């Protein structure tokens, strides 16, 4: 459930199909996300899941799977 929500958030920000996103997808290398895209994704995650993410942890996220683990650890 969380993975599907996360994929839709990322797809919305990056203007792509959520089906193209996998757990192994890397934000910068695969999606071409810049710091503004990443910030927007984080803000949408916090809003959608009603959580607050620690920026120290967010800065270490490279893949969708790492973002999902952070969300699941916070929810």
PDB file of N, CA and C in Angstrom:
ATOM      1  N   UNK A   1       0.820  -1.186   0.000  1.00  0.00           N
ATOM      2  CA  UNK A   1       0.000   0.000   0.000  1.00  0.00           C
ATOM      3  C   UNK A   1       0.870   1.258   0.000  1.00  0.00           C
ATOM      4  N   UNK A   2       1.838   1.328   0.927  1.00  0.00           N
ATOM      5  CA  UNK A   2       2.707   2.490   0.982  1.00  0.00           C
ATOM      6  C   UNK A   2       3.507   2.647  -0.306  1.00  0.00           C
ATOM      7  N   UNK A   3       3.951   1.518  -0.872  1.00  0.00           N
ATOM      8  CA  UNK A   3       4.741   1.585  -2.108  1.00  0.00           C
ATOM      9  C   UNK A   3       3.936   2.216  -3.235  1.00  0.00           C
ATOM     10  N   UNK A   4       2.688   1.834  -3.370  1.00  0.00           N
ATOM     11  CA  UNK A   4       1.859   2.394  -4.444  1.00  0.00           C
ATOM     12  C   UNK A   4       1.644   3.889  -4.251  1.00  0.00           C
ATOM     13  N   UNK A   5       1.381   4.301  -3.014  1.00  0.00           N
ATOM     14  CA  UNK A   5       1.226   5.735  -2.727  1.00  0.00           C
ATOM     15  C   UNK A   5       2.513   6.477  -3.062  1.00  0.00           C
ATOM     16  N   UNK A   6       3.631   5.912  -2.650  1.00  0.00           N
ATOM     17  CA  UNK A   6       4.933   6.541  -2.892  1.00  0.00           C
ATOM     18  C   UNK A   6       5.198   6.663  -4.388  1.00  0.00           C
ATOM     19  N   UNK A   7       4.918   5.611  -5.136  1.00  0.00           N
ATOM     20  CA  UNK A   7       5.121   5.645  -6.586  1.00  0.00           C
ATOM     21  C   UNK A   7       4.274   6.730  -7.234  1.00  0.00           C
ATOM     22  N   UNK A   8       3.043   6.916  -6.767  1.00  0.00           N
ATOM     23  CA  UNK A   8       2.169   7.948  -7.321  1.00  0.00           C
ATOM     24  C   UNK A   8       2.669   9.352  -6.977  1.00  0.00           C
ATOM     25  N   UNK A   9       3.201   9.519  -5.775  1.00  0.00           N
ATOM     26  CA  UNK A   9       3.771  10.802  -5.385  1.00  0.00           C
ATOM     27  C   UNK A   9       4.951  11.147  -6.283  1.00  0.00           C
ATOM     28  N   UNK A  10       5.861  10.199  -6.435  1.00  0.00           N
ATOM     29  CA  UNK A  10       7.055  10.423  -7.252  1.00  0.00           C
ATOM     30  C   UNK A  10       6.666  10.691  -8.697  1.00  0.00           C
ATOM     31  N   UNK A  11       5.756   9.882  -9.222  1.00  0.00           N
ATOM     32  CA  UNK A  11       5.318  10.039 -10.608  1.00  0.00           C
ATOM     33  C   UNK A  11       4.681  11.404 -10.837  1.00  0.00           C
ATOM     34  N   UNK A  12       3.900  11.867  -9.867  1.00  0.00           N
ATOM     35  CA  UNK A  12       3.255  13.167  -9.991  1.00  0.00           C
ATOM     36  C   UNK A  12       4.261  14.304 -10.060  1.00  0.00           C
ATOM     37  N   UNK A  13       5.277  14.224  -9.223  1.00  0.00           N
ATOM     38  CA  UNK A  13       6.303  15.269  -9.199  1.00  0.00           C
ATOM     39  C   UNK A  13       7.165  15.214 -10.459  1.00  0.00           C
ATOM     40  N   UNK A  14       7.493  14.005 -10.886  1.00  0.00           N
ATOM     41  CA  UNK A  14       8.415  13.846 -12.014  1.00  0.00           C
ATOM     42  C   UNK A  14       7.703  13.805 -13.362  1.00  0.00           C
ATOM     43  N   UNK A  15       6.374  13.817 -13.364  1.00  0.00           N
ATOM     44  CA  UNK A  15       5.619  13.815 -14.608  1.00  0.00           C
ATOM     45  C   UNK A  15       5.797  12.539 -15.414  1.00  0.00           C
ATOM     46  N   UNK A  16       5.631  11.413 -14.737  1.00  0.00           N
ATOM     47  CA  UNK A  16       5.808  10.125 -15.407  1.00  0.00           C
ATOM     48  C   UNK A  16       4.753   9.133 -14.941  1.00  0.00           C
ATOM     49  N   UNK A  17       4.765   7.964 -15.537  1.00  0.00           N
ATOM     50  CA  UNK A  17       3.836   6.894 -15.200  1.00  0.00           C
ATOM     51  C   UNK A  17       4.351   6.156 -13.960  1.00  0.00           C
ATOM     52  N   UNK A  18       3.513   5.963 -12.928  1.00  0.00           N
ATOM     53  CA  UNK A  18       3.956   5.252 -11.726  1.00  0.00           C
ATOM     54  C   UNK A  18       4.423   3.827 -12.007  1.00  0.00           C
ATOM     55  N   UNK A  19       3.924   3.243 -13.078  1.00  0.00           N
ATOM     56  CA  UNK A  19       4.313   1.869 -13.437  1.00  0.00           C
ATOM     57  C   UNK A  19       5.800   1.771 -13.791  1.00  0.00           C
ATOM     58  N   UNK A  20       6.410   2.895 -14.153  1.00  0.00           N
ATOM     59  CA  UNK A  20       7.827   2.917 -14.535  1.00  0.00           C
ATOM     60  C   UNK A  20       8.748   2.930 -13.318  1.00  0.00           C
ATOM     61  N   UNK A  21       8.177   3.117 -12.146  1.00  0.00           N
ATOM     62  CA  UNK A  21       8.970   3.241 -10.926  1.00  0.00           C
ATOM     63  C   UNK A  21       8.983   1.913 -10.184  1.00  0.00           C
ATOM     64  N   UNK A  22      10.183   1.472  -9.788  1.00  0.00           N
ATOM     65  CA  UNK A  22      10.345   0.241  -9.008  1.00  0.00           C
ATOM     66  C   UNK A  22      11.049   0.575  -7.703  1.00  0.00           C
ATOM     67  N   UNK A  23      11.166  -0.396  -6.834  1.00  0.00           N
ATOM     68  CA  UNK A  23      11.889  -0.188  -5.577  1.00  0.00           C
ATOM     69  C   UNK A  23      13.350   0.176  -5.833  1.00  0.00           C
ATOM     70  N   UNK A  24      13.900  -0.322  -6.933  1.00  0.00           N
ATOM     71  CA  UNK A  24      15.309  -0.089  -7.238  1.00  0.00           C
ATOM     72  C   UNK A  24      15.564   1.244  -7.929  1.00  0.00           C
ATOM     73  N   UNK A  25      14.510   1.946  -8.308  1.00  0.00           N
ATOM     74  CA  UNK A  25      14.662   3.216  -9.010  1.00  0.00           C
ATOM     75  C   UNK A  25      15.422   4.212  -8.134  1.00  0.00           C
ATOM     76  N   UNK A  26      16.453   4.832  -8.744  1.00  0.00           N
ATOM     77  CA  UNK A  26      17.254   5.836  -8.038  1.00  0.00           C
ATOM     78  C   UNK A  26      16.744   7.224  -8.429  1.00  0.00           C
ATOM     79  N   UNK A  27      16.594   8.082  -7.440  1.00  0.00           N
ATOM     80  CA  UNK A  27      16.006   9.397  -7.675  1.00  0.00           C
ATOM     81  C   UNK A  27      16.822  10.238  -8.655  1.00  0.00           C
ATOM     82  N   UNK A  28      18.106  10.368  -8.430  1.00  0.00           N
ATOM     83  CA  UNK A  28      18.917  11.238  -9.268  1.00  0.00           C
ATOM     84  C   UNK A  28      19.323  10.534 -10.562  1.00  0.00           C
ATOM     85  N   UNK A  29      19.915   9.368 -10.444  1.00  0.00           N
ATOM     86  CA  UNK A  29      20.459   8.680 -11.618  1.00  0.00           C
ATOM     87  C   UNK A  29      19.383   8.217 -12.599  1.00  0.00           C
ATOM     88  N   UNK A  30      18.293   7.649 -12.094  1.00  0.00           N
ATOM     89  CA  UNK A  30      17.263   7.088 -12.977  1.00  0.00           C
ATOM     90  C   UNK A  30      16.168   8.089 -13.339  1.00  0.00           C
ATOM     91  N   UNK A  31      15.794   8.929 -12.380  1.00  0.00           N
ATOM     92  CA  UNK A  31      14.683   9.851 -12.613  1.00  0.00           C
ATOM     93  C   UNK A  31      15.144  11.250 -13.008  1.00  0.00           C
ATOM     94  N   UNK A  32      16.421  11.540 -12.776  1.00  0.00           N
ATOM     95  CA  UNK A  32      16.929  12.874 -13.081  1.00  0.00           C
ATOM     96  C   UNK A  32      16.408  13.938 -12.129  1.00  0.00           C
ATOM     97  N   UNK A  33      16.057  13.535 -10.909  1.00  0.00           N
ATOM     98  CA  UNK A  33      15.514  14.471  -9.925  1.00  0.00           C
ATOM     99  C   UNK A  33      16.598  15.433  -9.448  1.00  0.00           C
ATOM    100  N   UNK A  34      16.221  16.708  -9.354  1.00  0.00           N
ATOM    101  CA  UNK A  34      17.134  17.689  -8.764  1.00  0.00           C
ATOM    102  C   UNK A  34      16.684  17.955  -7.327  1.00  0.00           C
ATOM    103  N   UNK A  35      17.379  18.837  -6.640  1.00  0.00           N
ATOM    104  CA  UNK A  35      17.072  19.066  -5.222  1.00  0.00           C
ATOM    105  C   UNK A  35      15.652  19.599  -5.020  1.00  0.00           C
ATOM    106  N   UNK A  36      15.158  20.387  -5.952  1.00  0.00           N
ATOM    107  CA  UNK A  36      13.796  20.901  -5.842  1.00  0.00           C
ATOM    108  C   UNK A  36      12.772  19.772  -5.991  1.00  0.00           C
ATOM    109  N   UNK A  37      13.013  18.843  -6.939  1.00  0.00           N
ATOM    110  CA  UNK A  37      12.134  17.685  -7.103  1.00  0.00           C
ATOM    111  C   UNK A  37      12.116  16.843  -5.836  1.00  0.00           C
ATOM    112  N   UNK A  38      13.285  16.595  -5.278  1.00  0.00           N
ATOM    113  CA  UNK A  38      13.388  15.779  -4.068  1.00  0.00           C
ATOM    114  C   UNK A  38      12.655  16.465  -2.915  1.00  0.00           C
ATOM    115  N   UNK A  39      12.823  17.766  -2.783  1.00  0.00           N
ATOM    116  CA  UNK A  39      12.128  18.517  -1.731  1.00  0.00           C
ATOM    117  C   UNK A  39      10.612  18.390  -1.906  1.00  0.00           C
ATOM    118  N   UNK A  40      10.137  18.521  -3.129  1.00  0.00           N
ATOM    119  CA  UNK A  40       8.702  18.415  -3.394  1.00  0.00           C
ATOM    120  C   UNK A  40       8.189  17.005  -3.079  1.00  0.00           C
ATOM    121  N   UNK A  41       8.960  15.998  -3.430  1.00  0.00           N
ATOM    122  CA  UNK A  41       8.587  14.610  -3.124  1.00  0.00           C
ATOM    123  C   UNK A  41       8.494  14.427  -1.610  1.00  0.00           C
ATOM    124  N   UNK A  42       9.475  14.930  -0.875  1.00  0.00           N
ATOM    125  CA  UNK A  42       9.484  14.804   0.582  1.00  0.00           C
ATOM    126  C   UNK A  42       8.277  15.507   1.198  1.00  0.00           C
ATOM    127  N   UNK A  43       7.985  16.709   0.732  1.00  0.00           N
ATOM    128  CA  UNK A  43       6.835  17.448   1.264  1.00  0.00           C
ATOM    129  C   UNK A  43       5.536  16.682   1.000  1.00  0.00           C
ATOM    130  N   UNK A  44       5.416  16.103  -0.187  1.00  0.00           N
ATOM    131  CA  UNK A  44       4.220  15.323  -0.519  1.00  0.00           C
ATOM    132  C   UNK A  44       4.125  14.046   0.309  1.00  0.00           C
ATOM    133  N   UNK A  45       5.257  13.413   0.572  1.00  0.00           N
ATOM    134  CA  UNK A  45       5.272  12.210   1.420  1.00  0.00           C
ATOM    135  C   UNK A  45       4.781  12.570   2.814  1.00  0.00           C
ATOM    136  N   UNK A  46       5.322  13.651   3.378  1.00  0.00           N
ATOM    137  CA  UNK A  46       4.918  14.055   4.725  1.00  0.00           C
ATOM    138  C   UNK A  46       3.429  14.360   4.785  1.00  0.00           C
ATOM    139  N   UNK A  47       2.919  15.000   3.763  1.00  0.00           N
ATOM    140  CA  UNK A  47       1.491  15.331   3.725  1.00  0.00           C
ATOM    141  C   UNK A  47       0.629  14.078   3.560  1.00  0.00           C
ATOM    142  N   UNK A  48       0.978  13.230   2.596  1.00  0.00           N
ATOM    143  CA  UNK A  48       0.182  12.033   2.292  1.00  0.00           C
ATOM    144  C   UNK A  48       0.147  11.049   3.462  1.00  0.00           C
ATOM    145  N   UNK A  49       1.298  10.852   4.109  1.00  0.00           N
ATOM    146  CA  UNK A  49       1.391   9.853   5.170  1.00  0.00           C
ATOM    147  C   UNK A  49       1.220  10.471   6.566  1.00  0.00           C
ATOM    148  N   UNK A  50       1.041  11.785   6.633  1.00  0.00           N
ATOM    149  CA  UNK A  50       0.876  12.514   7.883  1.00  0.00           C
ATOM    150  C   UNK A  50       2.022  12.193   8.850  1.00  0.00           C
ATOM    151  N   UNK A  51       3.245  12.379   8.347  1.00  0.00           N
ATOM    152  CA  UNK A  51       4.449  12.126   9.140  1.00  0.00           C
ATOM    153  C   UNK A  51       5.404  13.303   8.967  1.00  0.00           C
ATOM    154  N   UNK A  52       6.416  13.339   9.810  1.00  0.00           N
ATOM    155  CA  UNK A  52       7.487  14.316   9.661  1.00  0.00           C
ATOM    156  C   UNK A  52       8.791  13.539   9.564  1.00  0.00           C
ATOM    157  N   UNK A  53       9.509  13.746   8.477  1.00  0.00           N
ATOM    158  CA  UNK A  53      10.751  13.012   8.235  1.00  0.00           C
ATOM    159  C   UNK A  53      11.943  13.820   8.718  1.00  0.00           C
ATOM    160  N   UNK A  54      12.892  13.148   9.309  1.00  0.00           N
ATOM    161  CA  UNK A  54      14.131  13.776   9.768  1.00  0.00           C
ATOM    162  C   UNK A  54      15.006  14.072   8.558  1.00  0.00           C
ATOM    163  N   UNK A  55      15.386  15.323   8.389  1.00  0.00           N
ATOM    164  CA  UNK A  55      16.158  15.707   7.206  1.00  0.00           C
ATOM    165  C   UNK A  55      17.517  15.004   7.148  1.00  0.00           C
ATOM    166  N   UNK A  56      18.080  14.645   8.299  1.00  0.00           N
ATOM    167  CA  UNK A  56      19.344  13.902   8.304  1.00  0.00           C
ATOM    168  C   UNK A  56      19.181  12.561   7.599  1.00  0.00           C
ATOM    169  N   UNK A  57      18.031  11.914   7.799  1.00  0.00           N
ATOM    170  CA  UNK A  57      17.765  10.633   7.154  1.00  0.00           C
ATOM    171  C   UNK A  57      17.402  10.828   5.687  1.00  0.00           C
ATOM    172  N   UNK A  58      16.640  11.875   5.405  1.00  0.00           N
ATOM    173  CA  UNK A  58      16.194  12.142   4.029  1.00  0.00           C
ATOM    174  C   UNK A  58      17.383  12.350   3.103  1.00  0.00           C
ATOM    175  N   UNK A  59      18.409  13.037   3.582  1.00  0.00           N
ATOM    176  CA  UNK A  59      19.582  13.338   2.761  1.00  0.00           C
ATOM    177  C   UNK A  59      20.325  12.079   2.323  1.00  0.00           C
ATOM    178  N   UNK A  60      20.122  10.966   3.011  1.00  0.00           N
ATOM    179  CA  UNK A  60      20.824   9.716   2.704  1.00  0.00           C
ATOM    180  C   UNK A  60      20.035   8.807   1.765  1.00  0.00           C
ATOM    181  N   UNK A  61      18.826   9.215   1.390  1.00  0.00           N
ATOM    182  CA  UNK A  61      17.974   8.389   0.537  1.00  0.00           C
ATOM    183  C   UNK A  61      18.405   8.499  -0.919  1.00  0.00           C
ATOM    184  N   UNK A  62      18.640   7.354  -1.540  1.00  0.00           N
ATOM    185  CA  UNK A  62      19.009   7.322  -2.955  1.00  0.00           C
ATOM    186  C   UNK A  62      17.985   6.594  -3.814  1.00  0.00           C
ATOM    187  N   UNK A  63      17.296   5.621  -3.218  1.00  0.00           N
ATOM    188  CA  UNK A  63      16.365   4.794  -3.990  1.00  0.00           C
ATOM    189  C   UNK A  63      14.949   4.866  -3.412  1.00  0.00           C
ATOM    190  N   UNK A  64      14.004   4.418  -4.198  1.00  0.00           N
ATOM    191  CA  UNK A  64      12.616   4.344  -3.755  1.00  0.00           C
ATOM    192  C   UNK A  64      12.511   3.404  -2.556  1.00  0.00           C
ATOM    193  N   UNK A  65      13.235   2.301  -2.592  1.00  0.00           N
ATOM    194  CA  UNK A  65      13.195   1.338  -1.487  1.00  0.00           C
ATOM    195  C   UNK A  65      13.681   1.969  -0.175  1.00  0.00           C
ATOM    196  N   UNK A  66      14.712   2.792  -0.250  1.00  0.00           N
ATOM    197  CA  UNK A  66      15.200   3.472   0.956  1.00  0.00           C
ATOM    198  C   UNK A  66      14.171   4.466   1.480  1.00  0.00           C
ATOM    199  N   UNK A  67      13.486   5.165   0.578  1.00  0.00           N
ATOM    200  CA  UNK A  67      12.426   6.089   0.984  1.00  0.00           C
ATOM    201  C   UNK A  67      11.276   5.324   1.630  1.00  0.00           C
ATOM    202  N   UNK A  68      10.930   4.181   1.059  1.00  0.00           N
ATOM    203  CA  UNK A  68       9.862   3.360   1.591  1.00  0.00           C
ATOM    204  C   UNK A  68      10.207   2.857   3.000  1.00  0.00           C
ATOM    205  N   UNK A  69      11.441   2.441   3.197  1.00  0.00           N
ATOM    206  CA  UNK A  69      11.876   1.968   4.528  1.00  0.00           C
ATOM    207  C   UNK A  69      11.780   3.088   5.555  1.00  0.00           C
ATOM    208  N   UNK A  70      12.136   4.303   5.152  1.00  0.00           N
ATOM    209  CA  UNK A  70      12.043   5.443   6.050  1.00  0.00           C
ATOM    210  C   UNK A  70      10.578   5.730   6.408  1.00  0.00           C
ATOM    211  N   UNK A  71       9.711   5.671   5.414  1.00  0.00           N
ATOM    212  CA  UNK A  71       8.275   5.891   5.645  1.00  0.00           C
ATOM    213  C   UNK A  71       7.728   4.818   6.585  1.00  0.00           C
ATOM    214  N   UNK A  72       8.029   3.563   6.304  1.00  0.00           N
ATOM    215  CA  UNK A  72       7.506   2.461   7.109  1.00  0.00           C
ATOM    216  C   UNK A  72       8.022   2.518   8.538  1.00  0.00           C
ATOM    217  N   UNK A  73       9.234   3.031   8.723  1.00  0.00           N
ATOM    218  CA  UNK A  73       9.789   3.171  10.058  1.00  0.00           C
ATOM    219  C   UNK A  73       9.180   4.330  10.823  1.00  0.00           C
ATOM    220  N   UNK A  74       8.515   5.223  10.116  1.00  0.00           N
ATOM    221  CA  UNK A  74       7.941   6.418  10.731  1.00  0.00           C
ATOM    222  C   UNK A  74       6.451   6.277  10.951  1.00  0.00           C
ATOM    223  N   UNK A  75       5.775   5.489  10.087  1.00  0.00           N
ATOM    224  CA  UNK A  75       4.312   5.365  10.151  1.00  0.00           C
ATOM    225  C   UNK A  75       3.917   4.541  11.349  1.00  0.00           C
TER     226      UNK A  75
END
